[in-house]
Amino acid sequence: MSKLNLKDIKQKLNTERELLIQKLNGNDLSIDDSETPDPVDLAVRNYSKNVMLAVSENESKQLTLIDDALRRIEDDEYGPCQNCEKDINPKRLNAIPWARYCLDCQELLEQGLLDEE
């Protein structure tokens, strides 16, 4: 891709990857049951744990997308949409360097009209 600086993209991906790994390593999802909490405290703790699990799951998915983008750069497959194979807009890749689809195909994916690979 002529308008993309793959070195900069790779650096962005690696920086984001490190931040996600730090976040995931810092998430302590254990609950201290050493004292008997009242039902409201227990409900709040369980809710907080569920929120943390959801956030961790999203961060794990993003980490997978970043690793996939880094692999595509190494394999000289970075830039084309993984559905229609047209080049993804460089502005999109600069903003979301782990993007796998062009805007049109991403919209189809979000509408459930495209199967995620």
Foldseek 3Di string as FASTA:
>chain_A
DVVDDVVVLLVVLVVLLVVLVVLLVPDDLDDDPVDPDDPVVVVVSVVVSVVSVVVNVVSVVLNVLSVVLNVCVVVVNQAAAPPPRHGAPNVVCVVVVSDRHHPVVVVCVVVVNDDDD
